[in-house]
Amino acid sequence: MNEHLHNAAHQLELASNSCHYIAEAIERHSAPTQRRTGQAPAPAHASPANVSGSGAAHTR
């Protein structure tokens, strides 16, 4: 059972990192549009990994 939980935690960490990278790419892609239209940038949100308080190390 411990192995299954470890694998699930690893998969969740990989999914979290993937979402983070995708969100950064979208943000970079939309940044020039925001500057041209005079819109304020969206507020920064805490990542789910930081909110969970799991203490797991993340590689970025």
N, C-alpha and C. Protein backbone atom coordinates (compact mmCIF):
# COMPACT_ATOMS: atom_id res chain seq x y z
N MET A 1 0.83 -1.19 0.00
CA MET A 1 0.00 0.00 0.00
C MET A 1 0.87 1.26 0.00
N ASN A 2 1.97 1.21 0.76
CA ASN A 2 2.86 2.37 0.80
C ASN A 2 3.41 2.70 -0.58
N GLU A 3 3.71 1.68 -1.35
CA GLU A 3 4.23 1.92 -2.70
C GLU A 3 3.19 2.61 -3.57
N HIS A 4 1.94 2.20 -3.45
CA HIS A 4 0.86 2.83 -4.23
C HIS A 4 0.70 4.30 -3.83
N LEU A 5 0.75 4.58 -2.53
CA LEU A 5 0.64 5.96 -2.07
C LEU A 5 1.82 6.80 -2.54
N HIS A 6 3.00 6.22 -2.51
CA HIS A 6 4.19 6.92 -2.98
C HIS A 6 4.07 7.23 -4.48
N ASN A 7 3.62 6.26 -5.25
CA ASN A 7 3.45 6.48 -6.69
C ASN A 7 2.38 7.55 -6.97
N ALA A 8 1.30 7.52 -6.21
CA ALA A 8 0.24 8.51 -6.38
C ALA A 8 0.76 9.91 -6.05
N ALA A 9 1.52 10.03 -4.98
CA ALA A 9 2.09 11.33 -4.60
C ALA A 9 3.03 11.83 -5.69
N HIS A 10 3.81 10.94 -6.24
CA HIS A 10 4.74 11.31 -7.32
C HIS A 10 3.98 11.79 -8.56
N GLN A 11 2.92 11.08 -8.92
CA GLN A 11 2.11 11.47 -10.07
C GLN A 11 1.45 12.82 -9.85
N LEU A 12 0.98 13.08 -8.64
CA LEU A 12 0.38 14.38 -8.33
C LEU A 12 1.41 15.50 -8.42
N GLU A 13 2.62 15.24 -7.97
CA GLU A 13 3.68 16.24 -8.06
C GLU A 13 4.01 16.54 -9.53
N LEU A 14 4.08 15.49 -10.35
CA LEU A 14 4.34 15.70 -11.78
C LEU A 14 3.22 16.50 -12.43
N ALA A 15 1.99 16.20 -12.08
CA ALA A 15 0.85 16.93 -12.64
C ALA A 15 0.88 18.39 -12.19
N SER A 16 1.23 18.62 -10.94
CA SER A 16 1.32 19.98 -10.42
C SER A 16 2.38 20.77 -11.16
N ASN A 17 3.54 20.17 -11.36
CA ASN A 17 4.62 20.85 -12.10
C ASN A 17 4.20 21.13 -13.53
N SER A 18 3.51 20.19 -14.16
CA SER A 18 3.05 20.40 -15.54
C SER A 18 2.08 21.57 -15.61
N CYS A 19 1.15 21.62 -14.68
CA CYS A 19 0.19 22.74 -14.65
C CYS A 19 0.91 24.06 -14.44
N HIS A 20 1.90 24.06 -13.58
CA HIS A 20 2.68 25.28 -13.32
C HIS A 20 3.36 25.76 -14.60
N TYR A 21 4.01 24.86 -15.32
CA TYR A 21 4.70 25.23 -16.55
C TYR A 21 3.72 25.72 -17.62
N ILE A 22 2.58 25.08 -17.72
CA ILE A 22 1.58 25.50 -18.70
C ILE A 22 1.05 26.88 -18.35
N ALA A 23 0.77 27.12 -17.06
CA ALA A 23 0.28 28.42 -16.63
C ALA A 23 1.31 29.52 -16.92
N GLU A 24 2.59 29.23 -16.68
CA GLU A 24 3.64 30.21 -16.98
C GLU A 24 3.70 30.51 -18.47
N ALA A 25 3.57 29.48 -19.30
CA ALA A 25 3.62 29.68 -20.75
C ALA A 25 2.44 30.52 -21.21
N ILE A 26 1.28 30.27 -20.68
CA ILE A 26 0.09 31.06 -21.04
C ILE A 26 0.29 32.50 -20.60
N GLU A 27 0.82 32.68 -19.40
CA GLU A 27 1.06 34.03 -18.89
C GLU A 27 2.06 34.79 -19.77
N ARG A 28 3.14 34.12 -20.16
CA ARG A 28 4.13 34.76 -21.04
C ARG A 28 3.52 35.09 -22.39
N HIS A 29 2.69 34.20 -22.90
CA HIS A 29 2.07 34.39 -24.21
C HIS A 29 1.08 35.55 -24.19
N SER A 30 0.36 35.72 -23.08
CA SER A 30 -0.67 36.75 -23.02
C SER A 30 -0.13 38.08 -22.50
N ALA A 31 1.07 38.12 -21.97
CA ALA A 31 1.62 39.35 -21.40
C ALA A 31 1.70 40.50 -22.41
N PRO A 32 2.18 40.30 -23.64
CA PRO A 32 2.22 41.42 -24.59
C PRO A 32 0.83 41.99 -24.89
N THR A 33 -0.18 41.16 -24.94
CA THR A 33 -1.54 41.61 -25.20
C THR A 33 -2.03 42.50 -24.06
N GLN A 34 -1.73 42.13 -22.84
CA GLN A 34 -2.15 42.91 -21.68
C GLN A 34 -1.49 44.29 -21.71
N ARG A 35 -0.23 44.35 -22.09
CA ARG A 35 0.46 45.64 -22.12
C ARG A 35 -0.14 46.56 -23.18
N ARG A 36 -0.49 45.99 -24.34
CA ARG A 36 -1.04 46.81 -25.41
C ARG A 36 -2.42 47.36 -25.08
N THR A 37 -3.22 46.59 -24.37
CA THR A 37 -4.58 47.02 -24.07
C THR A 37 -4.66 47.81 -22.78
N GLY A 38 -3.57 47.89 -22.03
CA GLY A 38 -3.56 48.64 -20.80
C GLY A 38 -4.20 47.91 -19.63
N GLN A 39 -4.43 46.62 -19.77
CA GLN A 39 -5.01 45.85 -18.68
C GLN A 39 -3.96 45.59 -17.62
N ALA A 40 -4.38 45.59 -16.37
CA ALA A 40 -3.47 45.25 -15.28
C ALA A 40 -3.25 43.74 -15.30
N PRO A 41 -2.04 43.30 -14.95
CA PRO A 41 -1.80 41.86 -14.92
C PRO A 41 -2.64 41.18 -13.85
N ALA A 42 -2.96 39.93 -14.08
CA ALA A 42 -3.76 39.18 -13.13
C ALA A 42 -2.98 39.01 -11.83
N PRO A 43 -3.66 38.98 -10.69
CA PRO A 43 -2.96 38.81 -9.41
C PRO A 43 -2.33 37.43 -9.34
N ALA A 44 -1.19 37.36 -8.66
CA ALA A 44 -0.49 36.08 -8.50
C ALA A 44 -1.23 35.24 -7.47
N HIS A 45 -1.33 33.96 -7.74
CA HIS A 45 -1.98 33.04 -6.81
C HIS A 45 -0.96 32.06 -6.31
N ALA A 46 -1.14 31.61 -5.09
CA ALA A 46 -0.26 30.60 -4.53
C ALA A 46 -0.48 29.29 -5.27
N SER A 47 0.59 28.57 -5.52
CA SER A 47 0.45 27.29 -6.21
C SER A 47 -0.15 26.27 -5.26
N PRO A 48 -0.85 25.28 -5.78
CA PRO A 48 -1.44 24.25 -4.92
C PRO A 48 -0.40 23.55 -4.05
N ALA A 49 0.82 23.41 -4.54
CA ALA A 49 1.86 22.75 -3.76
C ALA A 49 2.20 23.57 -2.53
N ASN A 50 2.19 24.90 -2.65
CA ASN A 50 2.49 25.74 -1.50
C ASN A 50 1.33 25.79 -0.52
N VAL A 51 0.12 25.70 -1.02
CA VAL A 51 -1.06 25.79 -0.17
C VAL A 51 -1.23 24.52 0.65
N SER A 52 -0.87 23.38 0.09
CA SER A 52 -1.13 22.11 0.76
C SER A 52 -0.30 21.94 2.03
N GLY A 53 0.85 22.59 2.10
CA GLY A 53 1.69 22.44 3.27
C GLY A 53 2.31 21.06 3.39
N SER A 54 2.46 20.37 2.28
CA SER A 54 2.98 19.01 2.32
C SER A 54 4.47 18.99 2.66
N GLY A 55 5.18 20.07 2.39
CA GLY A 55 6.60 20.12 2.66
C GLY A 55 7.42 19.36 1.64
N ALA A 56 6.81 18.88 0.59
CA ALA A 56 7.54 18.14 -0.45
C ALA A 56 8.39 19.10 -1.26
N ALA A 57 9.58 18.68 -1.58
CA ALA A 57 10.47 19.50 -2.39
C ALA A 57 10.04 19.42 -3.85
N HIS A 58 10.11 20.55 -4.53
CA HIS A 58 9.73 20.60 -5.94
C HIS A 58 10.92 21.04 -6.76
N THR A 59 11.10 20.43 -7.91
CA THR A 59 12.16 20.85 -8.82
C THR A 59 11.53 21.66 -9.94
N ARG A 60 12.11 22.79 -10.20
CA ARG A 60 11.58 23.66 -11.27
C ARG A 60 12.71 24.17 -12.10
